[in-house]
């Protein structure tokens, strides 16, 4: 439970900081709305992926990690279809921010999985 709370806090910090930086490049109200939506999606998906990776046995760590990667990919494709195609969010801001959030937070995940 401690690792989950720490991971949630770290993911929130990364998403807020990266969202701020991305907001400098994508400054229109629609872009910022897309970045905010991406931040929420990334936060939820990352916590779910972390939970999956923590729940698998140690000997099956790679399986849990691959499931998490697949989950992120499916979330990205689903977000592209729903947010960009159906809701009309600007694709560059929506997708680049989601990929950025996923990438950066995935880099810190292995260290926190060992807690």
PDB file of N, CA and C in Angstrom:
ATOM      1  N   UNK A   1       0.824  -1.192   0.000  1.00  0.00           N
ATOM      2  CA  UNK A   1       0.000   0.000   0.000  1.00  0.00           C
ATOM      3  C   UNK A   1       0.868   1.256   0.000  1.00  0.00           C
ATOM      4  N   UNK A   2       1.974   1.202   0.727  1.00  0.00           N
ATOM      5  CA  UNK A   2       2.873   2.346   0.797  1.00  0.00           C
ATOM      6  C   UNK A   2       3.439   2.676  -0.583  1.00  0.00           C
ATOM      7  N   UNK A   3       3.832   1.647  -1.331  1.00  0.00           N
ATOM      8  CA  UNK A   3       4.386   1.864  -2.670  1.00  0.00           C
ATOM      9  C   UNK A   3       3.340   2.488  -3.591  1.00  0.00           C
ATOM     10  N   UNK A   4       2.084   2.061  -3.469  1.00  0.00           N
ATOM     11  CA  UNK A   4       1.018   2.612  -4.299  1.00  0.00           C
ATOM     12  C   UNK A   4       0.808   4.092  -4.017  1.00  0.00           C
ATOM     13  N   UNK A   5       0.805   4.468  -2.757  1.00  0.00           N
ATOM     14  CA  UNK A   5       0.618   5.872  -2.381  1.00  0.00           C
ATOM     15  C   UNK A   5       1.782   6.717  -2.882  1.00  0.00           C
ATOM     16  N   UNK A   6       2.992   6.207  -2.713  1.00  0.00           N
ATOM     17  CA  UNK A   6       4.173   6.936  -3.197  1.00  0.00           C
ATOM     18  C   UNK A   6       4.124   7.068  -4.712  1.00  0.00           C
ATOM     19  N   UNK A   7       3.773   5.983  -5.396  1.00  0.00           N
ATOM     20  CA  UNK A   7       3.685   6.030  -6.852  1.00  0.00           C
ATOM     21  C   UNK A   7       2.612   7.024  -7.295  1.00  0.00           C
ATOM     22  N   UNK A   8       1.469   7.024  -6.651  1.00  0.00           N
ATOM     23  CA  UNK A   8       0.394   7.961  -6.997  1.00  0.00           C
ATOM     24  C   UNK A   8       0.866   9.405  -6.822  1.00  0.00           C
ATOM     25  N   UNK A   9       1.582   9.661  -5.745  1.00  0.00           N
ATOM     26  CA  UNK A   9       2.098  11.008  -5.495  1.00  0.00           C
ATOM     27  C   UNK A   9       3.115  11.415  -6.562  1.00  0.00           C
ATOM     28  N   UNK A  10       4.023  10.506  -6.889  1.00  0.00           N
ATOM     29  CA  UNK A  10       5.050  10.795  -7.894  1.00  0.00           C
ATOM     30  C   UNK A  10       4.408  11.001  -9.268  1.00  0.00           C
ATOM     31  N   UNK A  11       3.453  10.164  -9.616  1.00  0.00           N
ATOM     32  CA  UNK A  11       2.764  10.317 -10.898  1.00  0.00           C
ATOM     33  C   UNK A  11       2.034  11.657 -10.945  1.00  0.00           C
ATOM     34  N   UNK A  12       1.370  12.021  -9.867  1.00  0.00           N
ATOM     35  CA  UNK A  12       0.670  13.313  -9.825  1.00  0.00           C
ATOM     36  C   UNK A  12       1.650  14.470 -10.008  1.00  0.00           C
ATOM     37  N   UNK A  13       2.789  14.407  -9.331  1.00  0.00           N
ATOM     38  CA  UNK A  13       3.801  15.461  -9.484  1.00  0.00           C
ATOM     39  C   UNK A  13       4.307  15.554 -10.927  1.00  0.00           C
ATOM     40  N   UNK A  14       4.603  14.417 -11.508  1.00  0.00           N
ATOM     41  CA  UNK A  14       5.116  14.400 -12.878  1.00  0.00           C
ATOM     42  C   UNK A  14       4.073  14.935 -13.847  1.00  0.00           C
ATOM     43  N   UNK A  15       2.834  14.508 -13.685  1.00  0.00           N
ATOM     44  CA  UNK A  15       1.773  14.944 -14.592  1.00  0.00           C
ATOM     45  C   UNK A  15       1.543  16.447 -14.471  1.00  0.00           C
ATOM     46  N   UNK A  16       1.549  16.970 -13.256  1.00  0.00           N
ATOM     47  CA  UNK A  16       1.359  18.414 -13.078  1.00  0.00           C
ATOM     48  C   UNK A  16       2.525  19.189 -13.676  1.00  0.00           C
ATOM     49  N   UNK A  17       3.741  18.759 -13.395  1.00  0.00           N
ATOM     50  CA  UNK A  17       4.919  19.471 -13.915  1.00  0.00           C
ATOM     51  C   UNK A  17       4.985  19.392 -15.440  1.00  0.00           C
ATOM     52  N   UNK A  18       4.804  18.210 -15.996  1.00  0.00           N
ATOM     53  CA  UNK A  18       4.848  18.055 -17.450  1.00  0.00           C
ATOM     54  C   UNK A  18       3.677  18.782 -18.107  1.00  0.00           C
ATOM     55  N   UNK A  19       2.530  18.751 -17.459  1.00  0.00           N
ATOM     56  CA  UNK A  19       1.369  19.468 -17.987  1.00  0.00           C
ATOM     57  C   UNK A  19       1.611  20.963 -18.037  1.00  0.00           C
ATOM     58  N   UNK A  20       2.291  21.487 -17.023  1.00  0.00           N
ATOM     59  CA  UNK A  20       2.628  22.912 -17.010  1.00  0.00           C
ATOM     60  C   UNK A  20       3.551  23.248 -18.173  1.00  0.00           C
ATOM     61  N   UNK A  21       4.577  22.438 -18.369  1.00  0.00           N
ATOM     62  CA  UNK A  21       5.531  22.677 -19.455  1.00  0.00           C
ATOM     63  C   UNK A  21       4.833  22.550 -20.819  1.00  0.00           C
ATOM     64  N   UNK A  22       4.000  21.530 -20.971  1.00  0.00           N
ATOM     65  CA  UNK A  22       3.274  21.362 -22.226  1.00  0.00           C
ATOM     66  C   UNK A  22       2.303  22.522 -22.460  1.00  0.00           C
ATOM     67  N   UNK A  23       1.759  23.070 -21.385  1.00  0.00           N
ATOM     68  CA  UNK A  23       0.851  24.205 -21.493  1.00  0.00           C
ATOM     69  C   UNK A  23       1.533  25.451 -22.029  1.00  0.00           C
ATOM     70  N   UNK A  24       2.841  25.523 -21.886  1.00  0.00           N
ATOM     71  CA  UNK A  24       3.581  26.650 -22.451  1.00  0.00           C
ATOM     72  C   UNK A  24       3.634  26.562 -23.973  1.00  0.00           C
ATOM     73  N   UNK A  25       3.739  25.359 -24.485  1.00  0.00           N
ATOM     74  CA  UNK A  25       3.798  25.166 -25.936  1.00  0.00           C
ATOM     75  C   UNK A  25       2.407  25.145 -26.567  1.00  0.00           C
ATOM     76  N   UNK A  26       1.457  24.545 -25.877  1.00  0.00           N
ATOM     77  CA  UNK A  26       0.080  24.469 -26.360  1.00  0.00           C
ATOM     78  C   UNK A  26      -0.770  25.390 -25.495  1.00  0.00           C
ATOM     79  N   UNK A  27      -0.960  26.619 -25.940  1.00  0.00           N
ATOM     80  CA  UNK A  27      -1.540  27.627 -25.051  1.00  0.00           C
ATOM     81  C   UNK A  27      -3.001  27.982 -25.311  1.00  0.00           C
ATOM     82  N   UNK A  28      -3.620  27.422 -26.330  1.00  0.00           N
ATOM     83  CA  UNK A  28      -5.023  27.754 -26.569  1.00  0.00           C
ATOM     84  C   UNK A  28      -5.905  27.044 -25.533  1.00  0.00           C
ATOM     85  N   UNK A  29      -7.092  27.563 -25.272  1.00  0.00           N
ATOM     86  CA  UNK A  29      -7.989  26.907 -24.304  1.00  0.00           C
ATOM     87  C   UNK A  29      -8.314  25.454 -24.680  1.00  0.00           C
ATOM     88  N   UNK A  30      -8.481  25.191 -25.968  1.00  0.00           N
ATOM     89  CA  UNK A  30      -8.770  23.812 -26.402  1.00  0.00           C
ATOM     90  C   UNK A  30      -7.573  22.894 -26.137  1.00  0.00           C
ATOM     91  N   UNK A  31      -6.373  23.417 -26.392  1.00  0.00           N
ATOM     92  CA  UNK A  31      -5.163  22.639 -26.130  1.00  0.00           C
ATOM     93  C   UNK A  31      -5.038  22.319 -24.645  1.00  0.00           C
ATOM     94  N   UNK A  32      -5.295  23.297 -23.824  1.00  0.00           N
ATOM     95  CA  UNK A  32      -5.182  23.078 -22.373  1.00  0.00           C
ATOM     96  C   UNK A  32      -6.222  22.093 -21.871  1.00  0.00           C
ATOM     97  N   UNK A  33      -7.410  22.138 -22.440  1.00  0.00           N
ATOM     98  CA  UNK A  33      -8.449  21.169 -22.075  1.00  0.00           C
ATOM     99  C   UNK A  33      -8.006  19.760 -22.469  1.00  0.00           C
ATOM    100  N   UNK A  34      -7.382  19.638 -23.636  1.00  0.00           N
ATOM    101  CA  UNK A  34      -6.876  18.338 -24.088  1.00  0.00           C
ATOM    102  C   UNK A  34      -5.760  17.837 -23.173  1.00  0.00           C
ATOM    103  N   UNK A  35      -4.879  18.735 -22.745  1.00  0.00           N
ATOM    104  CA  UNK A  35      -3.799  18.352 -21.829  1.00  0.00           C
ATOM    105  C   UNK A  35      -4.367  17.905 -20.488  1.00  0.00           C
ATOM    106  N   UNK A  36      -5.366  18.602 -20.004  1.00  0.00           N
ATOM    107  CA  UNK A  36      -5.997  18.216 -18.736  1.00  0.00           C
ATOM    108  C   UNK A  36      -6.668  16.848 -18.852  1.00  0.00           C
ATOM    109  N   UNK A  37      -7.355  16.610 -19.958  1.00  0.00           N
ATOM    110  CA  UNK A  37      -7.989  15.301 -20.160  1.00  0.00           C
ATOM    111  C   UNK A  37      -6.928  14.206 -20.239  1.00  0.00           C
ATOM    112  N   UNK A  38      -5.836  14.482 -20.935  1.00  0.00           N
ATOM    113  CA  UNK A  38      -4.735  13.514 -21.029  1.00  0.00           C
ATOM    114  C   UNK A  38      -4.136  13.233 -19.657  1.00  0.00           C
ATOM    115  N   UNK A  39      -4.029  14.258 -18.835  1.00  0.00           N
ATOM    116  CA  UNK A  39      -3.468  14.094 -17.494  1.00  0.00           C
ATOM    117  C   UNK A  39      -4.332  13.155 -16.654  1.00  0.00           C
ATOM    118  N   UNK A  40      -5.627  13.329 -16.729  1.00  0.00           N
ATOM    119  CA  UNK A  40      -6.533  12.462 -15.959  1.00  0.00           C
ATOM    120  C   UNK A  40      -6.432  11.020 -16.452  1.00  0.00           C
ATOM    121  N   UNK A  41      -6.460  10.844 -17.760  1.00  0.00           N
ATOM    122  CA  UNK A  41      -6.364   9.494 -18.330  1.00  0.00           C
ATOM    123  C   UNK A  41      -5.033   8.849 -17.938  1.00  0.00           C
ATOM    124  N   UNK A  42      -3.944   9.588 -18.078  1.00  0.00           N
ATOM    125  CA  UNK A  42      -2.624   9.043 -17.743  1.00  0.00           C
ATOM    126  C   UNK A  42      -2.540   8.653 -16.276  1.00  0.00           C
ATOM    127  N   UNK A  43      -3.057   9.495 -15.397  1.00  0.00           N
ATOM    128  CA  UNK A  43      -3.009   9.215 -13.962  1.00  0.00           C
ATOM    129  C   UNK A  43      -3.749   7.919 -13.643  1.00  0.00           C
ATOM    130  N   UNK A  44      -4.958   7.786 -14.156  1.00  0.00           N
ATOM    131  CA  UNK A  44      -5.768   6.588 -13.867  1.00  0.00           C
ATOM    132  C   UNK A  44      -5.135   5.341 -14.465  1.00  0.00           C
ATOM    133  N   UNK A  45      -4.710   5.422 -15.707  1.00  0.00           N
ATOM    134  CA  UNK A  45      -4.114   4.251 -16.376  1.00  0.00           C
ATOM    135  C   UNK A  45      -2.813   3.845 -15.697  1.00  0.00           C
ATOM    136  N   UNK A  46      -1.980   4.808 -15.322  1.00  0.00           N
ATOM    137  CA  UNK A  46      -0.721   4.487 -14.659  1.00  0.00           C
ATOM    138  C   UNK A  46      -0.957   3.803 -13.317  1.00  0.00           C
ATOM    139  N   UNK A  47      -1.922   4.283 -12.558  1.00  0.00           N
ATOM    140  CA  UNK A  47      -2.206   3.645 -11.266  1.00  0.00           C
ATOM    141  C   UNK A  47      -2.720   2.224 -11.465  1.00  0.00           C
ATOM    142  N   UNK A  48      -3.553   2.030 -12.470  1.00  0.00           N
ATOM    143  CA  UNK A  48      -4.069   0.695 -12.761  1.00  0.00           C
ATOM    144  C   UNK A  48      -2.936  -0.234 -13.212  1.00  0.00           C
ATOM    145  N   UNK A  49      -2.067   0.261 -14.093  1.00  0.00           N
ATOM    146  CA  UNK A  49      -0.934  -0.545 -14.572  1.00  0.00           C
ATOM    147  C   UNK A  49       0.024  -0.887 -13.427  1.00  0.00           C
ATOM    148  N   UNK A  50       0.241   0.061 -12.536  1.00  0.00           N
ATOM    149  CA  UNK A  50       1.114  -0.181 -11.391  1.00  0.00           C
ATOM    150  C   UNK A  50       0.517  -1.261 -10.481  1.00  0.00           C
ATOM    151  N   UNK A  51      -0.785  -1.187 -10.286  1.00  0.00           N
ATOM    152  CA  UNK A  51      -1.460  -2.196  -9.464  1.00  0.00           C
ATOM    153  C   UNK A  51      -1.329  -3.580 -10.078  1.00  0.00           C
ATOM    154  N   UNK A  52      -1.474  -3.668 -11.390  1.00  0.00           N
ATOM    155  CA  UNK A  52      -1.308  -4.960 -12.071  1.00  0.00           C
ATOM    156  C   UNK A  52       0.114  -5.474 -11.903  1.00  0.00           C
ATOM    157  N   UNK A  53       1.089  -4.613 -12.127  1.00  0.00           N
ATOM    158  CA  UNK A  53       2.493  -5.023 -12.018  1.00  0.00           C
ATOM    159  C   UNK A  53       2.830  -5.464 -10.600  1.00  0.00           C
ATOM    160  N   UNK A  54       2.243  -4.814  -9.600  1.00  0.00           N
ATOM    161  CA  UNK A  54       2.515  -5.190  -8.203  1.00  0.00           C
ATOM    162  C   UNK A  54       1.795  -6.470  -7.806  1.00  0.00           C
ATOM    163  N   UNK A  55       0.698  -6.801  -8.474  1.00  0.00           N
ATOM    164  CA  UNK A  55      -0.103  -7.948  -8.054  1.00  0.00           C
ATOM    165  C   UNK A  55       0.394  -9.278  -8.604  1.00  0.00           C
ATOM    166  N   UNK A  56       1.202  -9.245  -9.648  1.00  0.00           N
ATOM    167  CA  UNK A  56       1.705 -10.503 -10.198  1.00  0.00           C
ATOM    168  C   UNK A  56       2.856 -11.012  -9.331  1.00  0.00           C
ATOM    169  N   UNK A  57       3.045 -12.317  -9.289  1.00  0.00           N
ATOM    170  CA  UNK A  57       4.175 -12.863  -8.527  1.00  0.00           C
ATOM    171  C   UNK A  57       5.511 -12.381  -9.088  1.00  0.00           C
ATOM    172  N   UNK A  58       6.509 -12.373  -8.255  1.00  0.00           N
ATOM    173  CA  UNK A  58       7.832 -11.881  -8.642  1.00  0.00           C
ATOM    174  C   UNK A  58       8.391 -12.635  -9.849  1.00  0.00           C
ATOM    175  N   UNK A  59       8.151 -13.926  -9.900  1.00  0.00           N
ATOM    176  CA  UNK A  59       8.678 -14.709 -11.019  1.00  0.00           C
ATOM    177  C   UNK A  59       7.974 -14.373 -12.334  1.00  0.00           C
ATOM    178  N   UNK A  60       6.794 -13.742 -12.264  1.00  0.00           N
ATOM    179  CA  UNK A  60       6.052 -13.348 -13.468  1.00  0.00           C
ATOM    180  C   UNK A  60       6.073 -11.843 -13.672  1.00  0.00           C
ATOM    181  N   UNK A  61       7.099 -11.192 -13.155  1.00  0.00           N
ATOM    182  CA  UNK A  61       7.172  -9.736 -13.233  1.00  0.00           C
ATOM    183  C   UNK A  61       7.067  -9.245 -14.667  1.00  0.00           C
ATOM    184  N   UNK A  62       7.769  -9.901 -15.577  1.00  0.00           N
ATOM    185  CA  UNK A  62       7.768  -9.467 -16.968  1.00  0.00           C
ATOM    186  C   UNK A  62       6.356  -9.513 -17.555  1.00  0.00           C
ATOM    187  N   UNK A  63       5.593 -10.526 -17.199  1.00  0.00           N
ATOM    188  CA  UNK A  63       4.219 -10.636 -17.677  1.00  0.00           C
ATOM    189  C   UNK A  63       3.380  -9.456 -17.207  1.00  0.00           C
ATOM    190  N   UNK A  64       3.503  -9.105 -15.945  1.00  0.00           N
ATOM    191  CA  UNK A  64       2.776  -7.951 -15.413  1.00  0.00           C
ATOM    192  C   UNK A  64       3.181  -6.655 -16.074  1.00  0.00           C
ATOM    193  N   UNK A  65       4.464  -6.521 -16.338  1.00  0.00           N
ATOM    194  CA  UNK A  65       4.972  -5.313 -16.975  1.00  0.00           C
ATOM    195  C   UNK A  65       4.451  -5.207 -18.408  1.00  0.00           C
ATOM    196  N   UNK A  66       4.435  -6.322 -19.145  1.00  0.00           N
ATOM    197  CA  UNK A  66       3.929  -6.333 -20.521  1.00  0.00           C
ATOM    198  C   UNK A  66       2.434  -6.026 -20.547  1.00  0.00           C
ATOM    199  N   UNK A  67       1.694  -6.546 -19.593  1.00  0.00           N
ATOM    200  CA  UNK A  67       0.265  -6.227 -19.503  1.00  0.00           C
ATOM    201  C   UNK A  67       0.087  -4.726 -19.293  1.00  0.00           C
ATOM    202  N   UNK A  68       0.908  -4.129 -18.455  1.00  0.00           N
ATOM    203  CA  UNK A  68       0.848  -2.682 -18.226  1.00  0.00           C
ATOM    204  C   UNK A  68       1.163  -1.888 -19.480  1.00  0.00           C
ATOM    205  N   UNK A  69       2.162  -2.320 -20.230  1.00  0.00           N
ATOM    206  CA  UNK A  69       2.518  -1.651 -21.488  1.00  0.00           C
ATOM    207  C   UNK A  69       1.364  -1.770 -22.484  1.00  0.00           C
ATOM    208  N   UNK A  70       0.769  -2.960 -22.579  1.00  0.00           N
ATOM    209  CA  UNK A  70      -0.370  -3.151 -23.479  1.00  0.00           C
ATOM    210  C   UNK A  70      -1.547  -2.278 -23.061  1.00  0.00           C
ATOM    211  N   UNK A  71      -1.758  -2.167 -21.761  1.00  0.00           N
ATOM    212  CA  UNK A  71      -2.833  -1.313 -21.252  1.00  0.00           C
ATOM    213  C   UNK A  71      -2.608   0.144 -21.658  1.00  0.00           C
ATOM    214  N   UNK A  72      -1.383   0.609 -21.551  1.00  0.00           N
ATOM    215  CA  UNK A  72      -1.067   1.984 -21.956  1.00  0.00           C
ATOM    216  C   UNK A  72      -1.305   2.194 -23.449  1.00  0.00           C
ATOM    217  N   UNK A  73      -0.922   1.217 -24.254  1.00  0.00           N
ATOM    218  CA  UNK A  73      -1.119   1.323 -25.695  1.00  0.00           C
ATOM    219  C   UNK A  73      -2.605   1.363 -26.039  1.00  0.00           C
ATOM    220  N   UNK A  74      -3.377   0.480 -25.435  1.00  0.00           N
ATOM    221  CA  UNK A  74      -4.823   0.455 -25.680  1.00  0.00           C
ATOM    222  C   UNK A  74      -5.456   1.768 -25.220  1.00  0.00           C
ATOM    223  N   UNK A  75      -5.004   2.285 -24.091  1.00  0.00           N
ATOM    224  CA  UNK A  75      -5.531   3.566 -23.607  1.00  0.00           C
ATOM    225  C   UNK A  75      -5.200   4.691 -24.575  1.00  0.00           C
ATOM    226  N   UNK A  76      -4.002   4.679 -25.128  1.00  0.00           N
ATOM    227  CA  UNK A  76      -3.611   5.709 -26.092  1.00  0.00           C
ATOM    228  C   UNK A  76      -4.477   5.644 -27.347  1.00  0.00           C
ATOM    229  N   UNK A  77      -4.674   4.460 -27.887  1.00  0.00           N
ATOM    230  CA  UNK A  77      -5.510   4.298 -29.084  1.00  0.00           C
ATOM    231  C   UNK A  77      -6.952   4.675 -28.765  1.00  0.00           C
ATOM    232  N   UNK A  78      -7.460   4.214 -27.638  1.00  0.00           N
ATOM    233  CA  UNK A  78      -8.828   4.563 -27.239  1.00  0.00           C
ATOM    234  C   UNK A  78      -8.997   6.058 -27.035  1.00  0.00           C
ATOM    235  N   UNK A  79      -8.010   6.685 -26.419  1.00  0.00           N
ATOM    236  CA  UNK A  79      -8.063   8.130 -26.205  1.00  0.00           C
ATOM    237  C   UNK A  79      -8.033   8.868 -27.539  1.00  0.00           C
ATOM    238  N   UNK A  80      -7.234   8.373 -28.477  1.00  0.00           N
ATOM    239  CA  UNK A  80      -7.173   8.995 -29.801  1.00  0.00           C
ATOM    240  C   UNK A  80      -8.529   8.920 -30.492  1.00  0.00           C
ATOM    241  N   UNK A  81      -9.180   7.792 -30.373  1.00  0.00           N
ATOM    242  CA  UNK A  81     -10.483   7.633 -31.018  1.00  0.00           C
ATOM    243  C   UNK A  81     -11.547   8.478 -30.325  1.00  0.00           C
ATOM    244  N   UNK A  82     -11.615   8.392 -29.014  1.00  0.00           N
ATOM    245  CA  UNK A  82     -12.671   9.094 -28.286  1.00  0.00           C
ATOM    246  C   UNK A  82     -12.407  10.592 -28.202  1.00  0.00           C
ATOM    247  N   UNK A  83     -11.240  10.966 -27.724  1.00  0.00           N
ATOM    248  CA  UNK A  83     -10.974  12.388 -27.477  1.00  0.00           C
ATOM    249  C   UNK A  83     -10.770  13.164 -28.768  1.00  0.00           C
ATOM    250  N   UNK A  84      -9.991  12.610 -29.667  1.00  0.00           N
ATOM    251  CA  UNK A  84      -9.659  13.363 -30.881  1.00  0.00           C
ATOM    252  C   UNK A  84     -10.767  13.246 -31.920  1.00  0.00           C
ATOM    253  N   UNK A  85     -11.176  12.037 -32.230  1.00  0.00           N
ATOM    254  CA  UNK A  85     -12.170  11.842 -33.286  1.00  0.00           C
ATOM    255  C   UNK A  85     -13.580  12.219 -32.826  1.00  0.00           C
ATOM    256  N   UNK A  86     -14.003  11.738 -31.672  1.00  0.00           N
ATOM    257  CA  UNK A  86     -15.394  11.944 -31.258  1.00  0.00           C
ATOM    258  C   UNK A  86     -15.622  13.277 -30.554  1.00  0.00           C
ATOM    259  N   UNK A  87     -14.692  13.683 -29.698  1.00  0.00           N
ATOM    260  CA  UNK A  87     -14.874  14.921 -28.946  1.00  0.00           C
ATOM    261  C   UNK A  87     -14.225  16.125 -29.612  1.00  0.00           C
ATOM    262  N   UNK A  88     -13.438  15.895 -30.639  1.00  0.00           N
ATOM    263  CA  UNK A  88     -12.846  16.985 -31.396  1.00  0.00           C
ATOM    264  C   UNK A  88     -11.724  17.739 -30.703  1.00  0.00           C
ATOM    265  N   UNK A  89     -11.036  17.077 -29.790  1.00  0.00           N
ATOM    266  CA  UNK A  89      -9.891  17.734 -29.149  1.00  0.00           C
ATOM    267  C   UNK A  89      -8.746  17.853 -30.154  1.00  0.00           C
ATOM    268  N   UNK A  90      -7.902  18.866 -29.989  1.00  0.00           N
ATOM    269  CA  UNK A  90      -6.759  19.003 -30.902  1.00  0.00           C
ATOM    270  C   UNK A  90      -5.797  17.823 -30.726  1.00  0.00           C
ATOM    271  N   UNK A  91      -5.540  17.130 -31.819  1.00  0.00           N
ATOM    272  CA  UNK A  91      -4.732  15.911 -31.768  1.00  0.00           C
ATOM    273  C   UNK A  91      -3.315  16.128 -31.243  1.00  0.00           C
ATOM    274  N   UNK A  92      -2.595  17.156 -31.694  1.00  0.00           N
ATOM    275  CA  UNK A  92      -1.219  17.297 -31.192  1.00  0.00           C
ATOM    276  C   UNK A  92      -1.157  17.452 -29.671  1.00  0.00           C
ATOM    277  N   UNK A  93      -1.967  18.320 -29.122  1.00  0.00           N
ATOM    278  CA  UNK A  93      -1.929  18.544 -27.672  1.00  0.00           C
ATOM    279  C   UNK A  93      -2.396  17.310 -26.915  1.00  0.00           C
ATOM    280  N   UNK A  94      -3.478  16.693 -27.372  1.00  0.00           N
ATOM    281  CA  UNK A  94      -4.041  15.544 -26.663  1.00  0.00           C
ATOM    282  C   UNK A  94      -3.088  14.352 -26.674  1.00  0.00           C
ATOM    283  N   UNK A  95      -2.592  14.011 -27.841  1.00  0.00           N
ATOM    284  CA  UNK A  95      -1.791  12.791 -27.952  1.00  0.00           C
ATOM    285  C   UNK A  95      -0.354  12.967 -27.486  1.00  0.00           C
ATOM    286  N   UNK A  96       0.250  14.099 -27.809  1.00  0.00           N
ATOM    287  CA  UNK A  96       1.618  14.330 -27.324  1.00  0.00           C
ATOM    288  C   UNK A  96       1.663  14.418 -25.802  1.00  0.00           C
ATOM    289  N   UNK A  97       0.667  15.031 -25.208  1.00  0.00           N
ATOM    290  CA  UNK A  97       0.673  15.119 -23.747  1.00  0.00           C
ATOM    291  C   UNK A  97       0.466  13.745 -23.114  1.00  0.00           C
ATOM    292  N   UNK A  98      -0.453  12.948 -23.666  1.00  0.00           N
ATOM    293  CA  UNK A  98      -0.668  11.615 -23.100  1.00  0.00           C
ATOM    294  C   UNK A  98       0.579  10.751 -23.240  1.00  0.00           C
ATOM    295  N   UNK A  99       1.207  10.777 -24.395  1.00  0.00           N
ATOM    296  CA  UNK A  99       2.440   9.997 -24.597  1.00  0.00           C
ATOM    297  C   UNK A  99       3.540  10.488 -23.659  1.00  0.00           C
ATOM    298  N   UNK A 100       3.647  11.794 -23.490  1.00  0.00           N
ATOM    299  CA  UNK A 100       4.657  12.350 -22.586  1.00  0.00           C
ATOM    300  C   UNK A 100       4.410  11.898 -21.151  1.00  0.00           C
ATOM    301  N   UNK A 101       3.167  11.992 -20.702  1.00  0.00           N
ATOM    302  CA  UNK A 101       2.843  11.558 -19.332  1.00  0.00           C
ATOM    303  C   UNK A 101       3.146  10.075 -19.145  1.00  0.00           C
ATOM    304  N   UNK A 102       2.735   9.248 -20.105  1.00  0.00           N
ATOM    305  CA  UNK A 102       3.002   7.818 -20.010  1.00  0.00           C
ATOM    306  C   UNK A 102       4.503   7.541 -19.985  1.00  0.00           C
ATOM    307  N   UNK A 103       5.242   8.174 -20.871  1.00  0.00           N
ATOM    308  CA  UNK A 103       6.681   7.902 -20.976  1.00  0.00           C
ATOM    309  C   UNK A 103       7.414   8.260 -19.688  1.00  0.00           C
ATOM    310  N   UNK A 104       7.204   9.464 -19.215  1.00  0.00           N
ATOM    311  CA  UNK A 104       7.951   9.911 -18.032  1.00  0.00           C
ATOM    312  C   UNK A 104       7.581   9.090 -16.803  1.00  0.00           C
ATOM    313  N   UNK A 105       6.291   8.850 -16.612  1.00  0.00           N
ATOM    314  CA  UNK A 105       5.882   8.103 -15.413  1.00  0.00           C
ATOM    315  C   UNK A 105       6.275   6.627 -15.504  1.00  0.00           C
ATOM    316  N   UNK A 106       6.365   6.101 -16.711  1.00  0.00           N
ATOM    317  CA  UNK A 106       6.820   4.714 -16.862  1.00  0.00           C
ATOM    318  C   UNK A 106       8.296   4.577 -16.507  1.00  0.00           C
ATOM    319  N   UNK A 107       9.058   5.638 -16.690  1.00  0.00           N
ATOM    320  CA  UNK A 107      10.477   5.591 -16.335  1.00  0.00           C
ATOM    321  C   UNK A 107      10.694   5.439 -14.829  1.00  0.00           C
ATOM    322  N   UNK A 108       9.820   5.995 -14.015  1.00  0.00           N
ATOM    323  CA  UNK A 108       9.989   5.908 -12.557  1.00  0.00           C
ATOM    324  C   UNK A 108       9.318   4.655 -11.981  1.00  0.00           C
ATOM    325  N   UNK A 109       8.476   4.003 -12.752  1.00  0.00           N
ATOM    326  CA  UNK A 109       7.742   2.845 -12.253  1.00  0.00           C
ATOM    327  C   UNK A 109       8.638   1.710 -11.748  1.00  0.00           C
ATOM    328  N   UNK A 110       9.673   1.272 -12.480  1.00  0.00           N
ATOM    329  CA  UNK A 110      10.471   0.143 -11.998  1.00  0.00           C
ATOM    330  C   UNK A 110      11.083   0.363 -10.628  1.00  0.00           C
ATOM    331  N   UNK A 111      11.543   1.568 -10.365  1.00  0.00           N
ATOM    332  CA  UNK A 111      12.153   1.853  -9.061  1.00  0.00           C
ATOM    333  C   UNK A 111      11.126   1.714  -7.946  1.00  0.00           C
ATOM    334  N   UNK A 112       9.908   2.168  -8.211  1.00  0.00           N
ATOM    335  CA  UNK A 112       8.873   2.124  -7.170  1.00  0.00           C
ATOM    336  C   UNK A 112       8.221   0.745  -7.047  1.00  0.00           C
ATOM    337  N   UNK A 113       8.382  -0.096  -8.046  1.00  0.00           N
ATOM    338  CA  UNK A 113       7.849  -1.455  -7.952  1.00  0.00           C
ATOM    339  C   UNK A 113       8.616  -2.275  -6.921  1.00  0.00           C
ATOM    340  N   UNK A 114       9.841  -1.881  -6.640  1.00  0.00           N
ATOM    341  CA  UNK A 114      10.669  -2.647  -5.706  1.00  0.00           C
ATOM    342  C   UNK A 114      10.467  -2.243  -4.257  1.00  0.00           C
ATOM    343  N   UNK A 115       9.641  -1.239  -4.017  1.00  0.00           N
ATOM    344  CA  UNK A 115       9.407  -0.809  -2.618  1.00  0.00           C
ATOM    345  C   UNK A 115       8.602  -1.825  -1.852  1.00  0.00           C
TER     346      UNK A 115
END
